[in-house]
Amino acid sequence: MSDLDIITNLSTEPIRPPEYRSLDSILAEYPLLNTNSPTLFHLYLTYNDKCLSDAEKTSVEKVIEKLRMEQTLINRKNVEYMERHKVMNIDTINGEREPINKQ
């Protein structure tokens, strides 16, 4: 990043009140979250409800929805995989393995 890029970024960034929580500070507090987690952005929106403009809130809500949709697709693939392979329960009853998905 060039010096001019840094100056441009700093000059366009709005001045935030002291109660503003950055994504980095939330990540530091919740280390199991990452930037692909809709929970991170939901916390960001919740913590900064009074600090963000309506346009910023809308933008964050779009990110949350996009990430939720991505997670839903991954979860569906995982369920399909588990159904295809009938995952076995590691805990045994009478020494025999039994499927988790008994019917």
PDB file of N, CA and C in Angstrom:
ATOM      1  N   MET A   1       0.855  -1.172   0.000  1.00  0.00           N
ATOM      2  CA  MET A   1       0.000   0.000   0.000  1.00  0.00           C
ATOM      3  C   MET A   1       0.900   1.235   0.000  1.00  0.00           C
ATOM      4  N   SER A   2       0.601   2.136  -0.869  1.00  0.00           N
ATOM      5  CA  SER A   2       1.424   3.340  -0.976  1.00  0.00           C
ATOM      6  C   SER A   2       1.036   4.363   0.092  1.00  0.00           C
ATOM      7  N   ASP A   3       1.881   5.354   0.270  1.00  0.00           N
ATOM      8  CA  ASP A   3       1.611   6.418   1.236  1.00  0.00           C
ATOM      9  C   ASP A   3       0.305   7.131   0.904  1.00  0.00           C
ATOM     10  N   LEU A   4       0.086   7.365  -0.386  1.00  0.00           N
ATOM     11  CA  LEU A   4      -1.132   8.055  -0.805  1.00  0.00           C
ATOM     12  C   LEU A   4      -2.379   7.236  -0.469  1.00  0.00           C
ATOM     13  N   ASP A   5      -2.299   5.916  -0.626  1.00  0.00           N
ATOM     14  CA  ASP A   5      -3.425   5.038  -0.269  1.00  0.00           C
ATOM     15  C   ASP A   5      -3.744   5.134   1.217  1.00  0.00           C
ATOM     16  N   ILE A   6      -2.709   5.139   2.033  1.00  0.00           N
ATOM     17  CA  ILE A   6      -2.897   5.244   3.483  1.00  0.00           C
ATOM     18  C   ILE A   6      -3.534   6.580   3.841  1.00  0.00           C
ATOM     19  N   ILE A   7      -3.045   7.649   3.244  1.00  0.00           N
ATOM     20  CA  ILE A   7      -3.588   8.991   3.512  1.00  0.00           C
ATOM     21  C   ILE A   7      -5.038   9.074   3.060  1.00  0.00           C
ATOM     22  N   THR A   8      -5.347   8.519   1.902  1.00  0.00           N
ATOM     23  CA  THR A   8      -6.722   8.527   1.391  1.00  0.00           C
ATOM     24  C   THR A   8      -7.644   7.755   2.325  1.00  0.00           C
ATOM     25  N   ASN A   9      -7.206   6.582   2.747  1.00  0.00           N
ATOM     26  CA  ASN A   9      -8.025   5.778   3.660  1.00  0.00           C
ATOM     27  C   ASN A   9      -8.282   6.508   4.970  1.00  0.00           C
ATOM     28  N   LEU A  10      -7.253   7.101   5.521  1.00  0.00           N
ATOM     29  CA  LEU A  10      -7.420   7.817   6.786  1.00  0.00           C
ATOM     30  C   LEU A  10      -8.297   9.058   6.643  1.00  0.00           C
ATOM     31  N   SER A  11      -8.193   9.739   5.525  1.00  0.00           N
ATOM     32  CA  SER A  11      -8.984  10.958   5.346  1.00  0.00           C
ATOM     33  C   SER A  11     -10.456  10.661   5.066  1.00  0.00           C
ATOM     34  N   THR A  12     -10.765   9.491   4.534  1.00  0.00           N
ATOM     35  CA  THR A  12     -12.161   9.165   4.225  1.00  0.00           C
ATOM     36  C   THR A  12     -12.855   8.417   5.362  1.00  0.00           C
ATOM     37  N   GLU A  13     -12.071   7.908   6.293  1.00  0.00           N
ATOM     38  CA  GLU A  13     -12.643   7.184   7.433  1.00  0.00           C
ATOM     39  C   GLU A  13     -13.340   8.170   8.361  1.00  0.00           C
ATOM     40  N   PRO A  14     -14.620   7.918   8.715  1.00  0.00           N
ATOM     41  CA  PRO A  14     -15.311   8.840   9.620  1.00  0.00           C
ATOM     42  C   PRO A  14     -14.707   8.793  11.026  1.00  0.00           C
ATOM     43  N   ILE A  15     -14.863   9.873  11.746  1.00  0.00           N
ATOM     44  CA  ILE A  15     -14.405   9.924  13.132  1.00  0.00           C
ATOM     45  C   ILE A  15     -15.417   9.157  13.969  1.00  0.00           C
ATOM     46  N   ARG A  16     -14.928   8.190  14.721  1.00  0.00           N
ATOM     47  CA  ARG A  16     -15.802   7.325  15.512  1.00  0.00           C
ATOM     48  C   ARG A  16     -15.785   7.749  16.981  1.00  0.00           C
ATOM     49  N   PRO A  17     -16.937   7.596  17.662  1.00  0.00           N
ATOM     50  CA  PRO A  17     -16.981   7.914  19.101  1.00  0.00           C
ATOM     51  C   PRO A  17     -16.198   6.871  19.905  1.00  0.00           C
ATOM     52  N   PRO A  18     -15.875   7.167  21.153  1.00  0.00           N
ATOM     53  CA  PRO A  18     -15.069   6.255  21.972  1.00  0.00           C
ATOM     54  C   PRO A  18     -15.688   4.866  22.166  1.00  0.00           C
ATOM     55  N   GLU A  19     -17.009   4.770  22.135  1.00  0.00           N
ATOM     56  CA  GLU A  19     -17.666   3.479  22.359  1.00  0.00           C
ATOM     57  C   GLU A  19     -17.659   2.571  21.114  1.00  0.00           C
ATOM     58  N   TYR A  20     -17.156   3.082  20.004  1.00  0.00           N
ATOM     59  CA  TYR A  20     -17.064   2.304  18.769  1.00  0.00           C
ATOM     60  C   TYR A  20     -16.154   1.093  18.970  1.00  0.00           C
ATOM     61  N   ARG A  21     -16.591  -0.083  18.472  1.00  0.00           N
ATOM     62  CA  ARG A  21     -15.794  -1.314  18.558  1.00  0.00           C
ATOM     63  C   ARG A  21     -15.403  -1.737  17.146  1.00  0.00           C
ATOM     64  N   SER A  22     -14.128  -1.841  16.888  1.00  0.00           N
ATOM     65  CA  SER A  22     -13.668  -2.269  15.565  1.00  0.00           C
ATOM     66  C   SER A  22     -13.786  -3.785  15.437  1.00  0.00           C
ATOM     67  N   LEU A  23     -13.763  -4.261  14.189  1.00  0.00           N
ATOM     68  CA  LEU A  23     -13.777  -5.704  13.951  1.00  0.00           C
ATOM     69  C   LEU A  23     -12.569  -6.365  14.619  1.00  0.00           C
ATOM     70  N   ASP A  24     -11.418  -5.703  14.553  1.00  0.00           N
ATOM     71  CA  ASP A  24     -10.210  -6.259  15.174  1.00  0.00           C
ATOM     72  C   ASP A  24     -10.382  -6.433  16.681  1.00  0.00           C
ATOM     73  N   SER A  25     -10.991  -5.470  17.337  1.00  0.00           N
ATOM     74  CA  SER A  25     -11.166  -5.583  18.790  1.00  0.00           C
ATOM     75  C   SER A  25     -12.154  -6.697  19.136  1.00  0.00           C
ATOM     76  N   ILE A  26     -13.177  -6.884  18.306  1.00  0.00           N
ATOM     77  CA  ILE A  26     -14.132  -7.972  18.533  1.00  0.00           C
ATOM     78  C   ILE A  26     -13.456  -9.316  18.299  1.00  0.00           C
ATOM     79  N   LEU A  27     -12.640  -9.410  17.243  1.00  0.00           N
ATOM     80  CA  LEU A  27     -11.897 -10.650  16.977  1.00  0.00           C
ATOM     81  C   LEU A  27     -10.951 -10.980  18.126  1.00  0.00           C
ATOM     82  N   ALA A  28     -10.340  -9.963  18.707  1.00  0.00           N
ATOM     83  CA  ALA A  28      -9.430 -10.191  19.830  1.00  0.00           C
ATOM     84  C   ALA A  28     -10.184 -10.715  21.051  1.00  0.00           C
ATOM     85  N   GLU A  29     -11.408 -10.247  21.238  1.00  0.00           N
ATOM     86  CA  GLU A  29     -12.214 -10.672  22.384  1.00  0.00           C
ATOM     87  C   GLU A  29     -12.821 -12.058  22.171  1.00  0.00           C
ATOM     88  N   TYR A  30     -13.140 -12.385  20.923  1.00  0.00           N
ATOM     89  CA  TYR A  30     -13.751 -13.675  20.574  1.00  0.00           C
ATOM     90  C   TYR A  30     -12.857 -14.379  19.560  1.00  0.00           C
ATOM     91  N   PRO A  31     -11.789 -15.010  20.011  1.00  0.00           N
ATOM     92  CA  PRO A  31     -10.799 -15.563  19.076  1.00  0.00           C
ATOM     93  C   PRO A  31     -11.307 -16.708  18.201  1.00  0.00           C
ATOM     94  N   LEU A  32     -12.426 -17.319  18.536  1.00  0.00           N
ATOM     95  CA  LEU A  32     -12.946 -18.406  17.697  1.00  0.00           C
ATOM     96  C   LEU A  32     -13.705 -17.889  16.476  1.00  0.00           C
ATOM     97  N   LEU A  33     -13.981 -16.603  16.444  1.00  0.00           N
ATOM     98  CA  LEU A  33     -14.639 -16.018  15.278  1.00  0.00           C
ATOM     99  C   LEU A  33     -13.588 -15.682  14.225  1.00  0.00           C
ATOM    100  N   ASN A  34     -14.045 -15.560  12.994  1.00  0.00           N
ATOM    101  CA  ASN A  34     -13.161 -15.118  11.912  1.00  0.00           C
ATOM    102  C   ASN A  34     -13.971 -14.267  10.945  1.00  0.00           C
ATOM    103  N   THR A  35     -13.328 -13.744   9.932  1.00  0.00           N
ATOM    104  CA  THR A  35     -14.003 -12.814   9.021  1.00  0.00           C
ATOM    105  C   THR A  35     -14.997 -13.509   8.093  1.00  0.00           C
ATOM    106  N   ASN A  36     -15.087 -14.828   8.157  1.00  0.00           N
ATOM    107  CA  ASN A  36     -16.102 -15.559   7.395  1.00  0.00           C
ATOM    108  C   ASN A  36     -17.303 -15.922   8.253  1.00  0.00           C
ATOM    109  N   SER A  37     -17.339 -15.407   9.452  1.00  0.00           N
ATOM    110  CA  SER A  37     -18.398 -15.731  10.401  1.00  0.00           C
ATOM    111  C   SER A  37     -19.459 -14.630  10.448  1.00  0.00           C
ATOM    112  N   PRO A  38     -20.709 -14.968  10.158  1.00  0.00           N
ATOM    113  CA  PRO A  38     -21.757 -13.947  10.271  1.00  0.00           C
ATOM    114  C   PRO A  38     -21.918 -13.457  11.710  1.00  0.00           C
ATOM    115  N   THR A  39     -21.546 -14.271  12.674  1.00  0.00           N
ATOM    116  CA  THR A  39     -21.642 -13.876  14.079  1.00  0.00           C
ATOM    117  C   THR A  39     -20.748 -12.677  14.374  1.00  0.00           C
ATOM    118  N   LEU A  40     -19.563 -12.649  13.786  1.00  0.00           N
ATOM    119  CA  LEU A  40     -18.657 -11.505  13.972  1.00  0.00           C
ATOM    120  C   LEU A  40     -19.338 -10.212  13.540  1.00  0.00           C
ATOM    121  N   PHE A  41     -19.943 -10.229  12.373  1.00  0.00           N
ATOM    122  CA  PHE A  41     -20.562  -9.011  11.849  1.00  0.00           C
ATOM    123  C   PHE A  41     -21.842  -8.659  12.598  1.00  0.00           C
ATOM    124  N   HIS A  42     -22.537  -9.673  13.106  1.00  0.00           N
ATOM    125  CA  HIS A  42     -23.715  -9.404  13.931  1.00  0.00           C
ATOM    126  C   HIS A  42     -23.295  -8.710  15.229  1.00  0.00           C
ATOM    127  N   LEU A  43     -22.206  -9.190  15.840  1.00  0.00           N
ATOM    128  CA  LEU A  43     -21.687  -8.526  17.044  1.00  0.00           C
ATOM    129  C   LEU A  43     -21.252  -7.096  16.732  1.00  0.00           C
ATOM    130  N   TYR A  44     -20.566  -6.930  15.605  1.00  0.00           N
ATOM    131  CA  TYR A  44     -20.128  -5.592  15.182  1.00  0.00           C
ATOM    132  C   TYR A  44     -21.332  -4.649  15.064  1.00  0.00           C
ATOM    133  N   LEU A  45     -22.386  -5.140  14.446  1.00  0.00           N
ATOM    134  CA  LEU A  45     -23.600  -4.335  14.275  1.00  0.00           C
ATOM    135  C   LEU A  45     -24.245  -4.040  15.627  1.00  0.00           C
ATOM    136  N   THR A  46     -24.273  -5.020  16.497  1.00  0.00           N
ATOM    137  CA  THR A  46     -24.884  -4.848  17.816  1.00  0.00           C
ATOM    138  C   THR A  46     -24.086  -3.858  18.671  1.00  0.00           C
ATOM    139  N   TYR A  47     -22.770  -4.045  18.724  1.00  0.00           N
ATOM    140  CA  TYR A  47     -21.931  -3.155  19.524  1.00  0.00           C
ATOM    141  C   TYR A  47     -21.965  -1.717  19.008  1.00  0.00           C
ATOM    142  N   ASN A  48     -22.056  -1.549  17.705  1.00  0.00           N
ATOM    143  CA  ASN A  48     -21.927  -0.223  17.094  1.00  0.00           C
ATOM    144  C   ASN A  48     -23.236   0.343  16.566  1.00  0.00           C
ATOM    145  N   ASP A  49     -24.335  -0.125  17.094  1.00  0.00           N
ATOM    146  CA  ASP A  49     -25.651   0.295  16.612  1.00  0.00           C
ATOM    147  C   ASP A  49     -25.804   1.822  16.579  1.00  0.00           C
ATOM    148  N   LYS A  50     -25.313   2.499  17.603  1.00  0.00           N
ATOM    149  CA  LYS A  50     -25.459   3.959  17.681  1.00  0.00           C
ATOM    150  C   LYS A  50     -24.342   4.703  16.947  1.00  0.00           C
ATOM    151  N   CYS A  51     -23.298   3.984  16.550  1.00  0.00           N
ATOM    152  CA  CYS A  51     -22.135   4.621  15.923  1.00  0.00           C
ATOM    153  C   CYS A  51     -22.174   4.585  14.394  1.00  0.00           C
ATOM    154  N   LEU A  52     -22.947   3.675  13.833  1.00  0.00           N
ATOM    155  CA  LEU A  52     -22.947   3.483  12.385  1.00  0.00           C
ATOM    156  C   LEU A  52     -24.074   4.251  11.714  1.00  0.00           C
ATOM    157  N   SER A  53     -23.824   4.700  10.504  1.00  0.00           N
ATOM    158  CA  SER A  53     -24.876   5.350   9.716  1.00  0.00           C
ATOM    159  C   SER A  53     -25.808   4.272   9.170  1.00  0.00           C
ATOM    160  N   ASP A  54     -26.952   4.708   8.664  1.00  0.00           N
ATOM    161  CA  ASP A  54     -27.903   3.752   8.088  1.00  0.00           C
ATOM    162  C   ASP A  54     -27.291   3.004   6.906  1.00  0.00           C
ATOM    163  N   ALA A  55     -26.504   3.690   6.095  1.00  0.00           N
ATOM    164  CA  ALA A  55     -25.858   3.051   4.943  1.00  0.00           C
ATOM    165  C   ALA A  55     -24.853   1.993   5.403  1.00  0.00           C
ATOM    166  N   GLU A  56     -24.107   2.304   6.469  1.00  0.00           N
ATOM    167  CA  GLU A  56     -23.148   1.327   6.999  1.00  0.00           C
ATOM    168  C   GLU A  56     -23.873   0.112   7.579  1.00  0.00           C
ATOM    169  N   LYS A  57     -24.962   0.351   8.284  1.00  0.00           N
ATOM    170  CA  LYS A  57     -25.751  -0.757   8.846  1.00  0.00           C
ATOM    171  C   LYS A  57     -26.279  -1.654   7.734  1.00  0.00           C
ATOM    172  N   THR A  58     -26.793  -1.043   6.679  1.00  0.00           N
ATOM    173  CA  THR A  58     -27.306  -1.813   5.551  1.00  0.00           C
ATOM    174  C   THR A  58     -26.204  -2.650   4.912  1.00  0.00           C
ATOM    175  N   SER A  59     -25.044  -2.072   4.783  1.00  0.00           N
ATOM    176  CA  SER A  59     -23.903  -2.779   4.206  1.00  0.00           C
ATOM    177  C   SER A  59     -23.507  -3.982   5.066  1.00  0.00           C
ATOM    178  N   VAL A  60     -23.458  -3.788   6.375  1.00  0.00           N
ATOM    179  CA  VAL A  60     -23.104  -4.888   7.284  1.00  0.00           C
ATOM    180  C   VAL A  60     -24.188  -5.969   7.246  1.00  0.00           C
ATOM    181  N   GLU A  61     -25.444  -5.574   7.196  1.00  0.00           N
ATOM    182  CA  GLU A  61     -26.541  -6.554   7.116  1.00  0.00           C
ATOM    183  C   GLU A  61     -26.443  -7.390   5.843  1.00  0.00           C
ATOM    184  N   LYS A  62     -26.029  -6.782   4.741  1.00  0.00           N
ATOM    185  CA  LYS A  62     -25.832  -7.528   3.493  1.00  0.00           C
ATOM    186  C   LYS A  62     -24.712  -8.551   3.636  1.00  0.00           C
ATOM    187  N   VAL A  63     -23.631  -8.164   4.312  1.00  0.00           N
ATOM    188  CA  VAL A  63     -22.518  -9.093   4.553  1.00  0.00           C
ATOM    189  C   VAL A  63     -22.996 -10.265   5.413  1.00  0.00           C
ATOM    190  N   ILE A  64     -23.771  -9.973   6.458  1.00  0.00           N
ATOM    191  CA  ILE A  64     -24.295 -11.023   7.336  1.00  0.00           C
ATOM    192  C   ILE A  64     -25.136 -12.004   6.533  1.00  0.00           C
ATOM    193  N   GLU A  65     -26.023 -11.491   5.711  1.00  0.00           N
ATOM    194  CA  GLU A  65     -26.909 -12.360   4.916  1.00  0.00           C
ATOM    195  C   GLU A  65     -26.104 -13.207   3.930  1.00  0.00           C
ATOM    196  N   LYS A  66     -25.124 -12.621   3.294  1.00  0.00           N
ATOM    197  CA  LYS A  66     -24.276 -13.359   2.345  1.00  0.00           C
ATOM    198  C   LYS A  66     -23.552 -14.504   3.046  1.00  0.00           C
ATOM    199  N   LEU A  67     -22.958 -14.208   4.203  1.00  0.00           N
ATOM    200  CA  LEU A  67     -22.231 -15.241   4.947  1.00  0.00           C
ATOM    201  C   LEU A  67     -23.168 -16.322   5.489  1.00  0.00           C
ATOM    202  N   ARG A  68     -24.368 -15.924   5.898  1.00  0.00           N
ATOM    203  CA  ARG A  68     -25.351 -16.911   6.367  1.00  0.00           C
ATOM    204  C   ARG A  68     -25.744 -17.850   5.236  1.00  0.00           C
ATOM    205  N   MET A  69     -25.941 -17.307   4.056  1.00  0.00           N
ATOM    206  CA  MET A  69     -26.299 -18.129   2.907  1.00  0.00           C
ATOM    207  C   MET A  69     -25.171 -19.112   2.568  1.00  0.00           C
ATOM    208  N   GLU A  70     -23.919 -18.627   2.629  1.00  0.00           N
ATOM    209  CA  GLU A  70     -22.772 -19.497   2.365  1.00  0.00           C
ATOM    210  C   GLU A  70     -22.708 -20.626   3.391  1.00  0.00           C
ATOM    211  N   GLN A  71     -22.926 -20.309   4.664  1.00  0.00           N
ATOM    212  CA  GLN A  71     -22.899 -21.330   5.711  1.00  0.00           C
ATOM    213  C   GLN A  71     -24.036 -22.335   5.530  1.00  0.00           C
ATOM    214  N   THR A  72     -25.197 -21.861   5.117  1.00  0.00           N
ATOM    215  CA  THR A  72     -26.327 -22.758   4.880  1.00  0.00           C
ATOM    216  C   THR A  72     -26.002 -23.757   3.777  1.00  0.00           C
ATOM    217  N   LEU A  73     -25.376 -23.285   2.701  1.00  0.00           N
ATOM    218  CA  LEU A  73     -24.991 -24.185   1.617  1.00  0.00           C
ATOM    219  C   LEU A  73     -23.975 -25.222   2.087  1.00  0.00           C
ATOM    220  N   ILE A  74     -23.005 -24.792   2.882  1.00  0.00           N
ATOM    221  CA  ILE A  74     -22.012 -25.724   3.418  1.00  0.00           C
ATOM    222  C   ILE A  74     -22.692 -26.742   4.329  1.00  0.00           C
ATOM    223  N   ASN A  75     -23.605 -26.284   5.172  1.00  0.00           N
ATOM    224  CA  ASN A  75     -24.312 -27.195   6.070  1.00  0.00           C
ATOM    225  C   ASN A  75     -25.127 -28.220   5.288  1.00  0.00           C
ATOM    226  N   ARG A  76     -25.777 -27.801   4.223  1.00  0.00           N
ATOM    227  CA  ARG A  76     -26.546 -28.746   3.393  1.00  0.00           C
ATOM    228  C   ARG A  76     -25.642 -29.805   2.784  1.00  0.00           C
ATOM    229  N   LYS A  77     -24.483 -29.386   2.284  1.00  0.00           N
ATOM    230  CA  LYS A  77     -23.524 -30.350   1.723  1.00  0.00           C
ATOM    231  C   LYS A  77     -23.067 -31.340   2.787  1.00  0.00           C
ATOM    232  N   ASN A  78     -22.810 -30.825   3.996  1.00  0.00           N
ATOM    233  CA  ASN A  78     -22.380 -31.702   5.084  1.00  0.00           C
ATOM    234  C   ASN A  78     -23.456 -32.716   5.453  1.00  0.00           C
ATOM    235  N   VAL A  79     -24.704 -32.280   5.499  1.00  0.00           N
ATOM    236  CA  VAL A  79     -25.810 -33.189   5.810  1.00  0.00           C
ATOM    237  C   VAL A  79     -25.940 -34.243   4.717  1.00  0.00           C
ATOM    238  N   GLU A  80     -25.850 -33.834   3.460  1.00  0.00           N
ATOM    239  CA  GLU A  80     -25.918 -34.794   2.350  1.00  0.00           C
ATOM    240  C   GLU A  80     -24.799 -35.824   2.458  1.00  0.00           C
ATOM    241  N   TYR A  81     -23.599 -35.367   2.775  1.00  0.00           N
ATOM    242  CA  TYR A  81     -22.455 -36.272   2.931  1.00  0.00           C
ATOM    243  C   TYR A  81     -22.722 -37.276   4.054  1.00  0.00           C
ATOM    244  N   MET A  82     -23.185 -36.769   5.185  1.00  0.00           N
ATOM    245  CA  MET A  82     -23.447 -37.648   6.323  1.00  0.00           C
ATOM    246  C   MET A  82     -24.542 -38.660   6.002  1.00  0.00           C
ATOM    247  N   GLU A  83     -25.570 -38.238   5.284  1.00  0.00           N
ATOM    248  CA  GLU A  83     -26.642 -39.157   4.917  1.00  0.00           C
ATOM    249  C   GLU A  83     -26.140 -40.228   3.949  1.00  0.00           C
ATOM    250  N   ARG A  84     -25.249 -39.843   3.027  1.00  0.00           N
ATOM    251  CA  ARG A  84     -24.696 -40.814   2.076  1.00  0.00           C
ATOM    252  C   ARG A  84     -23.810 -41.838   2.760  1.00  0.00           C
ATOM    253  N   HIS A  85     -23.078 -41.414   3.776  1.00  0.00           N
ATOM    254  CA  HIS A  85     -22.097 -42.296   4.397  1.00  0.00           C
ATOM    255  C   HIS A  85     -22.555 -42.888   5.728  1.00  0.00           C
ATOM    256  N   LYS A  86     -23.732 -42.584   6.165  1.00  0.00           N
ATOM    257  CA  LYS A  86     -24.283 -43.128   7.412  1.00  0.00           C
ATOM    258  C   LYS A  86     -23.219 -43.202   8.499  1.00  0.00           C
ATOM    259  N   VAL A  87     -22.863 -42.072   9.012  1.00  0.00           N
ATOM    260  CA  VAL A  87     -21.800 -41.957  10.014  1.00  0.00           C
ATOM    261  C   VAL A  87     -22.096 -42.885  11.186  1.00  0.00           C
ATOM    262  N   MET A  88     -21.069 -43.603  11.597  1.00  0.00           N
ATOM    263  CA  MET A  88     -21.218 -44.558  12.690  1.00  0.00           C
ATOM    264  C   MET A  88     -20.917 -43.878  14.025  1.00  0.00           C
ATOM    265  N   ASN A  89     -21.630 -44.309  15.061  1.00  0.00           N
ATOM    266  CA  ASN A  89     -21.411 -43.808  16.405  1.00  0.00           C
ATOM    267  C   ASN A  89     -20.171 -44.479  16.983  1.00  0.00           C
ATOM    268  N   ILE A  90     -19.250 -43.690  17.539  1.00  0.00           N
ATOM    269  CA  ILE A  90     -18.027 -44.241  18.115  1.00  0.00           C
ATOM    270  C   ILE A  90     -18.342 -44.988  19.410  1.00  0.00           C
ATOM    271  N   ASP A  91     -19.293 -44.485  20.192  1.00  0.00           N
ATOM    272  CA  ASP A  91     -19.692 -45.190  21.407  1.00  0.00           C
ATOM    273  C   ASP A  91     -20.382 -46.480  21.000  1.00  0.00           C
ATOM    274  N   THR A  92     -20.011 -47.547  21.632  1.00  0.00           N
ATOM    275  CA  THR A  92     -20.586 -48.835  21.252  1.00  0.00           C
ATOM    276  C   THR A  92     -21.484 -49.377  22.345  1.00  0.00           C
ATOM    277  N   ILE A  93     -22.411 -50.196  21.918  1.00  0.00           N
ATOM    278  CA  ILE A  93     -23.298 -50.892  22.841  1.00  0.00           C
ATOM    279  C   ILE A  93     -23.026 -52.379  22.639  1.00  0.00           C
ATOM    280  N   ASN A  94     -22.650 -53.073  23.680  1.00  0.00           N
ATOM    281  CA  ASN A  94     -22.316 -54.499  23.612  1.00  0.00           C
ATOM    282  C   ASN A  94     -21.216 -54.774  22.595  1.00  0.00           C
ATOM    283  N   GLY A  95     -20.280 -53.843  22.439  1.00  0.00           N
ATOM    284  CA  GLY A  95     -19.159 -54.079  21.552  1.00  0.00           C
ATOM    285  C   GLY A  95     -19.472 -53.949  20.065  1.00  0.00           C
ATOM    286  N   GLU A  96     -20.687 -53.566  19.710  1.00  0.00           N
ATOM    287  CA  GLU A  96     -21.048 -53.442  18.296  1.00  0.00           C
ATOM    288  C   GLU A  96     -21.263 -51.980  17.959  1.00  0.00           C
ATOM    289  N   ARG A  97     -20.830 -51.615  16.751  1.00  0.00           N
ATOM    290  CA  ARG A  97     -21.030 -50.237  16.301  1.00  0.00           C
ATOM    291  C   ARG A  97     -22.461 -50.102  15.806  1.00  0.00           C
ATOM    292  N   GLU A  98     -23.082 -48.989  16.160  1.00  0.00           N
ATOM    293  CA  GLU A  98     -24.441 -48.734  15.717  1.00  0.00           C
ATOM    294  C   GLU A  98     -24.505 -47.394  15.002  1.00  0.00           C
ATOM    295  N   PRO A  99     -25.301 -47.284  13.938  1.00  0.00           N
ATOM    296  CA  PRO A  99     -25.418 -46.001  13.230  1.00  0.00           C
ATOM    297  C   PRO A  99     -26.017 -44.931  14.137  1.00  0.00           C
ATOM    298  N   ILE A 100     -25.573 -43.705  13.953  1.00  0.00           N
ATOM    299  CA  ILE A 100     -26.129 -42.589  14.698  1.00  0.00           C
ATOM    300  C   ILE A 100     -27.574 -42.344  14.274  1.00  0.00           C
ATOM    301  N   ASN A 101     -27.831 -42.475  12.988  1.00  0.00           N
ATOM    302  CA  ASN A 101     -29.150 -42.147  12.438  1.00  0.00           C
ATOM    303  C   ASN A 101     -30.041 -43.377  12.416  1.00  0.00           C
ATOM    304  N   LYS A 102     -30.375 -43.914  13.577  1.00  0.00           N
ATOM    305  CA  LYS A 102     -31.282 -45.050  13.648  1.00  0.00           C
ATOM    306  C   LYS A 102     -32.697 -44.576  13.350  1.00  0.00           C
ATOM    307  N   GLN A 103     -33.464 -45.456  12.770  1.00  0.00           N
ATOM    308  CA  GLN A 103     -34.871 -45.111  12.509  1.00  0.00           C
ATOM    309  C   GLN A 103     -35.789 -46.186  12.986  1.00  0.00           C
TER     310      GLN A 103
END
